[in-house]
Amino acid sequence: QAYTVLGRVFRDAVAEGKIPDSPVR
């Protein structure tokens, strides 16, 4: 559950241009 949430947070951060890529992999 926590990993899923963290992944969603970083995917949205990428979509908003906060970061270029997600480290959650």
mmCIF file of all heavy atoms, coordinates in Angstrom:
data_MODEL
# 
_entry.id   MODEL 
# 
loop_
_atom_site.group_PDB 
_atom_site.id 
_atom_site.type_symbol 
_atom_site.label_atom_id 
_atom_site.label_alt_id 
_atom_site.label_comp_id 
_atom_site.label_asym_id 
_atom_site.label_entity_id 
_atom_site.label_seq_id 
_atom_site.pdbx_PDB_ins_code 
_atom_site.Cartn_x 
_atom_site.Cartn_y 
_atom_site.Cartn_z 
_atom_site.occupancy 
_atom_site.B_iso_or_equiv 
_atom_site.pdbx_formal_charge 
_atom_site.auth_seq_id 
_atom_site.auth_comp_id 
_atom_site.auth_asym_id 
_atom_site.auth_atom_id 
_atom_site.pdbx_PDB_model_num 
ATOM 1   N N   . GLN A 1 1  ? 0.832  -1.204 0.000   1.00 0.00 ? 1  GLN A N   1 
ATOM 2   C CA  . GLN A 1 1  ? 0.000  0.000  0.000   1.00 0.00 ? 1  GLN A CA  1 
ATOM 3   C C   . GLN A 1 1  ? 0.865  1.252  0.000   1.00 0.00 ? 1  GLN A C   1 
ATOM 4   O O   . GLN A 1 1  ? 0.635  2.184  -0.786  1.00 0.00 ? 1  GLN A O   1 
ATOM 5   C CB  . GLN A 1 1  ? -0.918 -0.008 1.224   1.00 0.00 ? 1  GLN A CB  1 
ATOM 6   C CG  . GLN A 1 1  ? -1.685 1.284  1.453   1.00 0.00 ? 1  GLN A CG  1 
ATOM 7   C CD  . GLN A 1 1  ? -2.853 1.461  0.516   1.00 0.00 ? 1  GLN A CD  1 
ATOM 8   O OE1 . GLN A 1 1  ? -3.277 0.513  -0.132  1.00 0.00 ? 1  GLN A OE1 1 
ATOM 9   N NE2 . GLN A 1 1  ? -3.361 2.675  0.417   1.00 0.00 ? 1  GLN A NE2 1 
ATOM 10  N N   . ALA A 1 2  ? 1.863  1.308  0.882   1.00 0.00 ? 2  ALA A N   1 
ATOM 11  C CA  . ALA A 1 2  ? 2.716  2.486  0.975   1.00 0.00 ? 2  ALA A CA  1 
ATOM 12  C C   . ALA A 1 2  ? 3.503  2.700  -0.310  1.00 0.00 ? 2  ALA A C   1 
ATOM 13  O O   . ALA A 1 2  ? 3.658  3.836  -0.780  1.00 0.00 ? 2  ALA A O   1 
ATOM 14  C CB  . ALA A 1 2  ? 3.673  2.354  2.164   1.00 0.00 ? 2  ALA A CB  1 
ATOM 15  N N   . TYR A 1 3  ? 3.997  1.616  -0.892  1.00 0.00 ? 3  TYR A N   1 
ATOM 16  C CA  . TYR A 1 3  ? 4.752  1.721  -2.142  1.00 0.00 ? 3  TYR A CA  1 
ATOM 17  C C   . TYR A 1 3  ? 3.858  2.242  -3.266  1.00 0.00 ? 3  TYR A C   1 
ATOM 18  O O   . TYR A 1 3  ? 4.277  3.080  -4.072  1.00 0.00 ? 3  TYR A O   1 
ATOM 19  C CB  . TYR A 1 3  ? 5.339  0.362  -2.522  1.00 0.00 ? 3  TYR A CB  1 
ATOM 20  C CG  . TYR A 1 3  ? 6.146  0.400  -3.806  1.00 0.00 ? 3  TYR A CG  1 
ATOM 21  C CD1 . TYR A 1 3  ? 7.487  0.769  -3.791  1.00 0.00 ? 3  TYR A CD1 1 
ATOM 22  C CD2 . TYR A 1 3  ? 5.559  0.084  -5.026  1.00 0.00 ? 3  TYR A CD2 1 
ATOM 23  C CE1 . TYR A 1 3  ? 8.217  0.828  -4.964  1.00 0.00 ? 3  TYR A CE1 1 
ATOM 24  C CE2 . TYR A 1 3  ? 6.283  0.137  -6.204  1.00 0.00 ? 3  TYR A CE2 1 
ATOM 25  C CZ  . TYR A 1 3  ? 7.612  0.509  -6.166  1.00 0.00 ? 3  TYR A CZ  1 
ATOM 26  O OH  . TYR A 1 3  ? 8.344  0.571  -7.332  1.00 0.00 ? 3  TYR A OH  1 
ATOM 27  N N   . THR A 1 4  ? 2.622  1.761  -3.306  1.00 0.00 ? 4  THR A N   1 
ATOM 28  C CA  . THR A 1 4  ? 1.676  2.213  -4.321  1.00 0.00 ? 4  THR A CA  1 
ATOM 29  C C   . THR A 1 4  ? 1.412  3.709  -4.192  1.00 0.00 ? 4  THR A C   1 
ATOM 30  O O   . THR A 1 4  ? 1.371  4.443  -5.181  1.00 0.00 ? 4  THR A O   1 
ATOM 31  C CB  . THR A 1 4  ? 0.356  1.434  -4.204  1.00 0.00 ? 4  THR A CB  1 
ATOM 32  O OG1 . THR A 1 4  ? 0.615  0.045  -4.433  1.00 0.00 ? 4  THR A OG1 1 
ATOM 33  C CG2 . THR A 1 4  ? -0.669 1.937  -5.201  1.00 0.00 ? 4  THR A CG2 1 
ATOM 34  N N   . VAL A 1 5  ? 1.234  4.172  -2.954  1.00 0.00 ? 5  VAL A N   1 
ATOM 35  C CA  . VAL A 1 5  ? 0.988  5.594  -2.718  1.00 0.00 ? 5  VAL A CA  1 
ATOM 36  C C   . VAL A 1 5  ? 2.206  6.426  -3.118  1.00 0.00 ? 5  VAL A C   1 
ATOM 37  O O   . VAL A 1 5  ? 2.083  7.454  -3.794  1.00 0.00 ? 5  VAL A O   1 
ATOM 38  C CB  . VAL A 1 5  ? 0.636  5.849  -1.237  1.00 0.00 ? 5  VAL A CB  1 
ATOM 39  C CG1 . VAL A 1 5  ? 0.497  7.341  -0.967  1.00 0.00 ? 5  VAL A CG1 1 
ATOM 40  C CG2 . VAL A 1 5  ? -0.655 5.137  -0.865  1.00 0.00 ? 5  VAL A CG2 1 
ATOM 41  N N   . LEU A 1 6  ? 3.389  5.981  -2.704  1.00 0.00 ? 6  LEU A N   1 
ATOM 42  C CA  . LEU A 1 6  ? 4.610  6.715  -3.053  1.00 0.00 ? 6  LEU A CA  1 
ATOM 43  C C   . LEU A 1 6  ? 4.773  6.796  -4.572  1.00 0.00 ? 6  LEU A C   1 
ATOM 44  O O   . LEU A 1 6  ? 5.149  7.836  -5.122  1.00 0.00 ? 6  LEU A O   1 
ATOM 45  C CB  . LEU A 1 6  ? 5.826  6.045  -2.429  1.00 0.00 ? 6  LEU A CB  1 
ATOM 46  C CG  . LEU A 1 6  ? 7.154  6.812  -2.572  1.00 0.00 ? 6  LEU A CG  1 
ATOM 47  C CD1 . LEU A 1 6  ? 7.115  8.084  -1.738  1.00 0.00 ? 6  LEU A CD1 1 
ATOM 48  C CD2 . LEU A 1 6  ? 8.335  5.940  -2.138  1.00 0.00 ? 6  LEU A CD2 1 
ATOM 49  N N   . GLY A 1 7  ? 4.484  5.684  -5.247  1.00 0.00 ? 7  GLY A N   1 
ATOM 50  C CA  . GLY A 1 7  ? 4.576  5.679  -6.702  1.00 0.00 ? 7  GLY A CA  1 
ATOM 51  C C   . GLY A 1 7  ? 3.629  6.677  -7.339  1.00 0.00 ? 7  GLY A C   1 
ATOM 52  O O   . GLY A 1 7  ? 3.991  7.381  -8.288  1.00 0.00 ? 7  GLY A O   1 
ATOM 53  N N   . ARG A 1 8  ? 2.404  6.756  -6.805  1.00 0.00 ? 8  ARG A N   1 
ATOM 54  C CA  . ARG A 1 8  ? 1.433  7.700  -7.365  1.00 0.00 ? 8  ARG A CA  1 
ATOM 55  C C   . ARG A 1 8  ? 1.872  9.133  -7.121  1.00 0.00 ? 8  ARG A C   1 
ATOM 56  O O   . ARG A 1 8  ? 1.718  9.997  -7.996  1.00 0.00 ? 8  ARG A O   1 
ATOM 57  C CB  . ARG A 1 8  ? 0.061  7.445  -6.745  1.00 0.00 ? 8  ARG A CB  1 
ATOM 58  C CG  . ARG A 1 8  ? -1.020 8.350  -7.297  1.00 0.00 ? 8  ARG A CG  1 
ATOM 59  C CD  . ARG A 1 8  ? -2.415 7.880  -6.942  1.00 0.00 ? 8  ARG A CD  1 
ATOM 60  N NE  . ARG A 1 8  ? -3.408 8.804  -7.464  1.00 0.00 ? 8  ARG A NE  1 
ATOM 61  C CZ  . ARG A 1 8  ? -4.725 8.630  -7.373  1.00 0.00 ? 8  ARG A CZ  1 
ATOM 62  N NH1 . ARG A 1 8  ? -5.195 7.542  -6.795  1.00 0.00 ? 8  ARG A NH1 1 
ATOM 63  N NH2 . ARG A 1 8  ? -5.566 9.513  -7.874  1.00 0.00 ? 8  ARG A NH2 1 
ATOM 64  N N   . VAL A 1 9  ? 2.429  9.397  -5.938  1.00 0.00 ? 9  VAL A N   1 
ATOM 65  C CA  . VAL A 1 9  ? 2.920  10.742 -5.622  1.00 0.00 ? 9  VAL A CA  1 
ATOM 66  C C   . VAL A 1 9  ? 3.979  11.172 -6.634  1.00 0.00 ? 9  VAL A C   1 
ATOM 67  O O   . VAL A 1 9  ? 3.922  12.275 -7.203  1.00 0.00 ? 9  VAL A O   1 
ATOM 68  C CB  . VAL A 1 9  ? 3.508  10.783 -4.190  1.00 0.00 ? 9  VAL A CB  1 
ATOM 69  C CG1 . VAL A 1 9  ? 4.307  12.066 -3.981  1.00 0.00 ? 9  VAL A CG1 1 
ATOM 70  C CG2 . VAL A 1 9  ? 2.394  10.685 -3.155  1.00 0.00 ? 9  VAL A CG2 1 
ATOM 71  N N   . PHE A 1 10 ? 4.947  10.309 -6.892  1.00 0.00 ? 10 PHE A N   1 
ATOM 72  C CA  . PHE A 1 10 ? 6.035  10.677 -7.786  1.00 0.00 ? 10 PHE A CA  1 
ATOM 73  C C   . PHE A 1 10 ? 5.597  10.708 -9.255  1.00 0.00 ? 10 PHE A C   1 
ATOM 74  O O   . PHE A 1 10 ? 6.112  11.523 -10.032 1.00 0.00 ? 10 PHE A O   1 
ATOM 75  C CB  . PHE A 1 10 ? 7.227  9.749  -7.581  1.00 0.00 ? 10 PHE A CB  1 
ATOM 76  C CG  . PHE A 1 10 ? 8.133  10.209 -6.469  1.00 0.00 ? 10 PHE A CG  1 
ATOM 77  C CD1 . PHE A 1 10 ? 7.914  9.810  -5.162  1.00 0.00 ? 10 PHE A CD1 1 
ATOM 78  C CD2 . PHE A 1 10 ? 9.182  11.069 -6.734  1.00 0.00 ? 10 PHE A CD2 1 
ATOM 79  C CE1 . PHE A 1 10 ? 8.730  10.254 -4.131  1.00 0.00 ? 10 PHE A CE1 1 
ATOM 80  C CE2 . PHE A 1 10 ? 10.007 11.525 -5.721  1.00 0.00 ? 10 PHE A CE2 1 
ATOM 81  C CZ  . PHE A 1 10 ? 9.788  11.119 -4.411  1.00 0.00 ? 10 PHE A CZ  1 
ATOM 82  N N   . ARG A 1 11 ? 4.668  9.861  -9.645  1.00 0.00 ? 11 ARG A N   1 
ATOM 83  C CA  . ARG A 1 11 ? 4.159  9.947  -11.013 1.00 0.00 ? 11 ARG A CA  1 
ATOM 84  C C   . ARG A 1 11 ? 3.481  11.286 -11.263 1.00 0.00 ? 11 ARG A C   1 
ATOM 85  O O   . ARG A 1 11 ? 3.644  11.903 -12.318 1.00 0.00 ? 11 ARG A O   1 
ATOM 86  C CB  . ARG A 1 11 ? 3.181  8.801  -11.293 1.00 0.00 ? 11 ARG A CB  1 
ATOM 87  C CG  . ARG A 1 11 ? 3.828  7.458  -11.532 1.00 0.00 ? 11 ARG A CG  1 
ATOM 88  C CD  . ARG A 1 11 ? 2.858  6.481  -12.184 1.00 0.00 ? 11 ARG A CD  1 
ATOM 89  N NE  . ARG A 1 11 ? 1.648  6.294  -11.404 1.00 0.00 ? 11 ARG A NE  1 
ATOM 90  C CZ  . ARG A 1 11 ? 1.528  5.427  -10.396 1.00 0.00 ? 11 ARG A CZ  1 
ATOM 91  N NH1 . ARG A 1 11 ? 2.557  4.677  -10.045 1.00 0.00 ? 11 ARG A NH1 1 
ATOM 92  N NH2 . ARG A 1 11 ? 0.378  5.304  -9.751  1.00 0.00 ? 11 ARG A NH2 1 
ATOM 93  N N   . ASP A 1 12 ? 2.720  11.737 -10.265 1.00 0.00 ? 12 ASP A N   1 
ATOM 94  C CA  . ASP A 1 12 ? 2.051  13.032 -10.404 1.00 0.00 ? 12 ASP A CA  1 
ATOM 95  C C   . ASP A 1 12 ? 3.054  14.177 -10.374 1.00 0.00 ? 12 ASP A C   1 
ATOM 96  O O   . ASP A 1 12 ? 2.868  15.199 -11.052 1.00 0.00 ? 12 ASP A O   1 
ATOM 97  C CB  . ASP A 1 12 ? 1.007  13.200 -9.293  1.00 0.00 ? 12 ASP A CB  1 
ATOM 98  C CG  . ASP A 1 12 ? -0.207 12.296 -9.499  1.00 0.00 ? 12 ASP A CG  1 
ATOM 99  O OD1 . ASP A 1 12 ? -0.329 11.719 -10.600 1.00 0.00 ? 12 ASP A OD1 1 
ATOM 100 O OD2 . ASP A 1 12 ? -1.013 12.166 -8.566  1.00 0.00 ? 12 ASP A OD2 1 
ATOM 101 N N   . ALA A 1 13 ? 4.120  14.019 -9.591  1.00 0.00 ? 13 ALA A N   1 
ATOM 102 C CA  . ALA A 1 13 ? 5.163  15.051 -9.557  1.00 0.00 ? 13 ALA A CA  1 
ATOM 103 C C   . ALA A 1 13 ? 5.851  15.162 -10.916 1.00 0.00 ? 13 ALA A C   1 
ATOM 104 O O   . ALA A 1 13 ? 6.196  16.261 -11.368 1.00 0.00 ? 13 ALA A O   1 
ATOM 105 C CB  . ALA A 1 13 ? 6.186  14.725 -8.465  1.00 0.00 ? 13 ALA A CB  1 
ATOM 106 N N   . VAL A 1 14 ? 6.046  14.034 -11.576 1.00 0.00 ? 14 VAL A N   1 
ATOM 107 C CA  . VAL A 1 14 ? 6.618  14.038 -12.932 1.00 0.00 ? 14 VAL A CA  1 
ATOM 108 C C   . VAL A 1 14 ? 5.666  14.737 -13.894 1.00 0.00 ? 14 VAL A C   1 
ATOM 109 O O   . VAL A 1 14 ? 6.071  15.565 -14.708 1.00 0.00 ? 14 VAL A O   1 
ATOM 110 C CB  . VAL A 1 14 ? 6.897  12.593 -13.409 1.00 0.00 ? 14 VAL A CB  1 
ATOM 111 C CG1 . VAL A 1 14 ? 7.272  12.583 -14.889 1.00 0.00 ? 14 VAL A CG1 1 
ATOM 112 C CG2 . VAL A 1 14 ? 8.009  11.963 -12.582 1.00 0.00 ? 14 VAL A CG2 1 
ATOM 113 N N   . ALA A 1 15 ? 4.379  14.403 -13.798 1.00 0.00 ? 15 ALA A N   1 
ATOM 114 C CA  . ALA A 1 15 ? 3.380  14.992 -14.696 1.00 0.00 ? 15 ALA A CA  1 
ATOM 115 C C   . ALA A 1 15 ? 3.302  16.506 -14.524 1.00 0.00 ? 15 ALA A C   1 
ATOM 116 O O   . ALA A 1 15 ? 3.011  17.232 -15.485 1.00 0.00 ? 15 ALA A O   1 
ATOM 117 C CB  . ALA A 1 15 ? 2.015  14.362 -14.439 1.00 0.00 ? 15 ALA A CB  1 
ATOM 118 N N   . GLU A 1 16 ? 3.566  16.987 -13.313 1.00 0.00 ? 16 GLU A N   1 
ATOM 119 C CA  . GLU A 1 16 ? 3.512  18.427 -13.043 1.00 0.00 ? 16 GLU A CA  1 
ATOM 120 C C   . GLU A 1 16 ? 4.834  19.124 -13.342 1.00 0.00 ? 16 GLU A C   1 
ATOM 121 O O   . GLU A 1 16 ? 4.940  20.346 -13.183 1.00 0.00 ? 16 GLU A O   1 
ATOM 122 C CB  . GLU A 1 16 ? 3.138  18.657 -11.573 1.00 0.00 ? 16 GLU A CB  1 
ATOM 123 C CG  . GLU A 1 16 ? 1.723  18.229 -11.230 1.00 0.00 ? 16 GLU A CG  1 
ATOM 124 C CD  . GLU A 1 16 ? 1.419  18.394 -9.752  1.00 0.00 ? 16 GLU A CD  1 
ATOM 125 O OE1 . GLU A 1 16 ? 2.140  19.164 -9.085  1.00 0.00 ? 16 GLU A OE1 1 
ATOM 126 O OE2 . GLU A 1 16 ? 0.470  17.758 -9.272  1.00 0.00 ? 16 GLU A OE2 1 
ATOM 127 N N   . GLY A 1 17 ? 5.834  18.375 -13.770 1.00 0.00 ? 17 GLY A N   1 
ATOM 128 C CA  . GLY A 1 17 ? 7.114  18.983 -14.101 1.00 0.00 ? 17 GLY A CA  1 
ATOM 129 C C   . GLY A 1 17 ? 8.006  19.264 -12.913 1.00 0.00 ? 17 GLY A C   1 
ATOM 130 O O   . GLY A 1 17 ? 9.012  19.964 -13.039 1.00 0.00 ? 17 GLY A O   1 
ATOM 131 N N   . LYS A 1 18 ? 7.648  18.698 -11.744 1.00 0.00 ? 18 LYS A N   1 
ATOM 132 C CA  . LYS A 1 18 ? 8.484  18.908 -10.558 1.00 0.00 ? 18 LYS A CA  1 
ATOM 133 C C   . LYS A 1 18 ? 9.815  18.170 -10.691 1.00 0.00 ? 18 LYS A C   1 
ATOM 134 O O   . LYS A 1 18 ? 10.860 18.641 -10.244 1.00 0.00 ? 18 LYS A O   1 
ATOM 135 C CB  . LYS A 1 18 ? 7.747  18.412 -9.310  1.00 0.00 ? 18 LYS A CB  1 
ATOM 136 C CG  . LYS A 1 18 ? 6.555  19.254 -8.898  1.00 0.00 ? 18 LYS A CG  1 
ATOM 137 C CD  . LYS A 1 18 ? 7.005  20.550 -8.269  1.00 0.00 ? 18 LYS A CD  1 
ATOM 138 C CE  . LYS A 1 18 ? 5.832  21.342 -7.710  1.00 0.00 ? 18 LYS A CE  1 
ATOM 139 N NZ  . LYS A 1 18 ? 6.282  22.627 -7.113  1.00 0.00 ? 18 LYS A NZ  1 
ATOM 140 N N   . ILE A 1 19 ? 9.759  16.995 -11.265 1.00 0.00 ? 19 ILE A N   1 
ATOM 141 C CA  . ILE A 1 19 ? 10.937 16.159 -11.478 1.00 0.00 ? 19 ILE A CA  1 
ATOM 142 C C   . ILE A 1 19 ? 10.810 15.513 -12.855 1.00 0.00 ? 19 ILE A C   1 
ATOM 143 O O   . ILE A 1 19 ? 9.691  15.339 -13.347 1.00 0.00 ? 19 ILE A O   1 
ATOM 144 C CB  . ILE A 1 19 ? 11.082 15.062 -10.400 1.00 0.00 ? 19 ILE A CB  1 
ATOM 145 C CG1 . ILE A 1 19 ? 9.766  14.281 -10.257 1.00 0.00 ? 19 ILE A CG1 1 
ATOM 146 C CG2 . ILE A 1 19 ? 11.535 15.647 -9.067  1.00 0.00 ? 19 ILE A CG2 1 
ATOM 147 C CD1 . ILE A 1 19 ? 9.834  13.120 -9.291  1.00 0.00 ? 19 ILE A CD1 1 
ATOM 148 N N   . PRO A 1 20 ? 11.926 15.158 -13.472 1.00 0.00 ? 20 PRO A N   1 
ATOM 149 C CA  . PRO A 1 20 ? 11.845 14.580 -14.817 1.00 0.00 ? 20 PRO A CA  1 
ATOM 150 C C   . PRO A 1 20 ? 11.505 13.102 -14.841 1.00 0.00 ? 20 PRO A C   1 
ATOM 151 O O   . PRO A 1 20 ? 11.005 12.585 -15.837 1.00 0.00 ? 20 PRO A O   1 
ATOM 152 C CB  . PRO A 1 20 ? 13.247 14.816 -15.382 1.00 0.00 ? 20 PRO A CB  1 
ATOM 153 C CG  . PRO A 1 20 ? 14.132 14.859 -14.182 1.00 0.00 ? 20 PRO A CG  1 
ATOM 154 C CD  . PRO A 1 20 ? 13.311 15.490 -13.093 1.00 0.00 ? 20 PRO A CD  1 
ATOM 155 N N   . ASP A 1 21 ? 11.763 12.391 -13.741 1.00 0.00 ? 21 ASP A N   1 
ATOM 156 C CA  . ASP A 1 21 ? 11.550 10.945 -13.748 1.00 0.00 ? 21 ASP A CA  1 
ATOM 157 C C   . ASP A 1 21 ? 11.254 10.475 -12.328 1.00 0.00 ? 21 ASP A C   1 
ATOM 158 O O   . ASP A 1 21 ? 11.661 11.104 -11.350 1.00 0.00 ? 21 ASP A O   1 
ATOM 159 C CB  . ASP A 1 21 ? 12.791 10.232 -14.282 1.00 0.00 ? 21 ASP A CB  1 
ATOM 160 C CG  . ASP A 1 21 ? 12.514 8.789  -14.661 1.00 0.00 ? 21 ASP A CG  1 
ATOM 161 O OD1 . ASP A 1 21 ? 11.335 8.448  -14.822 1.00 0.00 ? 21 ASP A OD1 1 
ATOM 162 O OD2 . ASP A 1 21 ? 13.473 8.007  -14.770 1.00 0.00 ? 21 ASP A OD2 1 
ATOM 163 N N   . SER A 1 22 ? 10.540 9.356  -12.218 1.00 0.00 ? 22 SER A N   1 
ATOM 164 C CA  . SER A 1 22 ? 10.201 8.825  -10.898 1.00 0.00 ? 22 SER A CA  1 
ATOM 165 C C   . SER A 1 22 ? 11.249 7.818  -10.436 1.00 0.00 ? 22 SER A C   1 
ATOM 166 O O   . SER A 1 22 ? 11.628 6.923  -11.200 1.00 0.00 ? 22 SER A O   1 
ATOM 167 C CB  . SER A 1 22 ? 8.835  8.153  -10.915 1.00 0.00 ? 22 SER A CB  1 
ATOM 168 O OG  . SER A 1 22 ? 8.605  7.450  -9.693  1.00 0.00 ? 22 SER A OG  1 
ATOM 169 N N   . PRO A 1 23 ? 11.692 7.916  -9.183  1.00 0.00 ? 23 PRO A N   1 
ATOM 170 C CA  . PRO A 1 23 ? 12.645 6.945  -8.642  1.00 0.00 ? 23 PRO A CA  1 
ATOM 171 C C   . PRO A 1 23 ? 11.959 5.709  -8.065  1.00 0.00 ? 23 PRO A C   1 
ATOM 172 O O   . PRO A 1 23 ? 12.618 4.796  -7.577  1.00 0.00 ? 23 PRO A O   1 
ATOM 173 C CB  . PRO A 1 23 ? 13.331 7.744  -7.531  1.00 0.00 ? 23 PRO A CB  1 
ATOM 174 C CG  . PRO A 1 23 ? 12.238 8.627  -7.007  1.00 0.00 ? 23 PRO A CG  1 
ATOM 175 C CD  . PRO A 1 23 ? 11.417 9.003  -8.215  1.00 0.00 ? 23 PRO A CD  1 
ATOM 176 N N   . VAL A 1 24 ? 10.628 5.673  -8.103  1.00 0.00 ? 24 VAL A N   1 
ATOM 177 C CA  . VAL A 1 24 ? 9.876  4.578  -7.491  1.00 0.00 ? 24 VAL A CA  1 
ATOM 178 C C   . VAL A 1 24 ? 9.696  3.471  -8.516  1.00 0.00 ? 24 VAL A C   1 
ATOM 179 O O   . VAL A 1 24 ? 8.718  3.450  -9.276  1.00 0.00 ? 24 VAL A O   1 
ATOM 180 C CB  . VAL A 1 24 ? 8.513  5.077  -6.961  1.00 0.00 ? 24 VAL A CB  1 
ATOM 181 C CG1 . VAL A 1 24 ? 7.803  3.980  -6.199  1.00 0.00 ? 24 VAL A CG1 1 
ATOM 182 C CG2 . VAL A 1 24 ? 8.703  6.302  -6.079  1.00 0.00 ? 24 VAL A CG2 1 
ATOM 183 N N   . ARG A 1 25 ? 10.649 2.563  -8.558  1.00 0.00 ? 25 ARG A N   1 
ATOM 184 C CA  . ARG A 1 25 ? 10.600 1.488  -9.551  1.00 0.00 ? 25 ARG A CA  1 
ATOM 185 C C   . ARG A 1 25 ? 11.264 0.216  -9.024  1.00 0.00 ? 25 ARG A C   1 
ATOM 186 O O   . ARG A 1 25 ? 12.178 -0.326 -9.647  1.00 0.00 ? 25 ARG A O   1 
ATOM 187 C CB  . ARG A 1 25 ? 11.234 1.938  -10.870 1.00 0.00 ? 25 ARG A CB  1 
ATOM 188 C CG  . ARG A 1 25 ? 12.542 2.714  -10.745 1.00 0.00 ? 25 ARG A CG  1 
ATOM 189 C CD  . ARG A 1 25 ? 13.075 3.066  -12.126 1.00 0.00 ? 25 ARG A CD  1 
ATOM 190 N NE  . ARG A 1 25 ? 14.352 3.740  -12.091 1.00 0.00 ? 25 ARG A NE  1 
ATOM 191 C CZ  . ARG A 1 25 ? 14.523 5.041  -12.093 1.00 0.00 ? 25 ARG A CZ  1 
ATOM 192 N NH1 . ARG A 1 25 ? 13.458 5.824  -12.128 1.00 0.00 ? 25 ARG A NH1 1 
ATOM 193 N NH2 . ARG A 1 25 ? 15.737 5.572  -12.074 1.00 0.00 ? 25 ARG A NH2 1 
# 
